[in-house]
Amino acid sequence: MQTLLNNIVFLDKQLNAWFLSLHNAAADKIFLSVTLFGEAMFVIILAVIISALLWRWRKKWQIFALWVVVVGSGVCIQIAKLFFHRARPSGALVLEHSASFPSGHATIAIAFYGFLAYLVLREIKKYRALALVISVIIILAIGLSRLYLGVHYLSDVLVGYLIGAVWLMIGIKIDKLKSNNNKL
């Protein structure tokens, strides 16, 4: 087990050094913009807007599921950061104050944007392919931005994706439970 952990840490550090070597002004601006899509305040504002639309469309149960995904994943990340308290990589372009592991941006990317894609896939069949492609691009771009900016290691992002996927599945399950109850 220790060998596996050592290999993960080695890979994390090598990949971090490689990303740091790629920095240039144009890419810095792009990735600084992309990472904003995973910022807590941006996601909360977007979740409020989505909630208002869902309310208008009388999709109250989906509002509940959306907020379970957002709040649940956020709380889970904060607890994990306190528990593991991993130091962030050195040389980052952005100063972050929380622990590195796991990545909150990667978690919210897959949990929140994945749930939005699920809602579109479920409710607006005309735009299924577009919703899927856009959500995958956003999710991958946010994770990549965290690596490029040097604020996370690969293992931080991958575990963040895993935690986000769990919360995404919880949100989908909540929505499907309500849907199944309505069919009875």
Foldseek 3Di string as FASTA:
>chain_A
DVVVVVVQVVQQVVLLVVLLVPDDDVVLVVLVVLLVCLDLVNLVVVLVVVCVVCVVVVNNLLNVLLVLLSVVLVVVQQVQQVVVVADFFPPFQDDDDTRAAADSSLLCLCQNLVLVLVCCVVPPVVCNVVSVVVSVCSNVSNLVSCSNRRGYTPVNNVVSNVSSVVSNVSSVVSSVVVVVVVVD
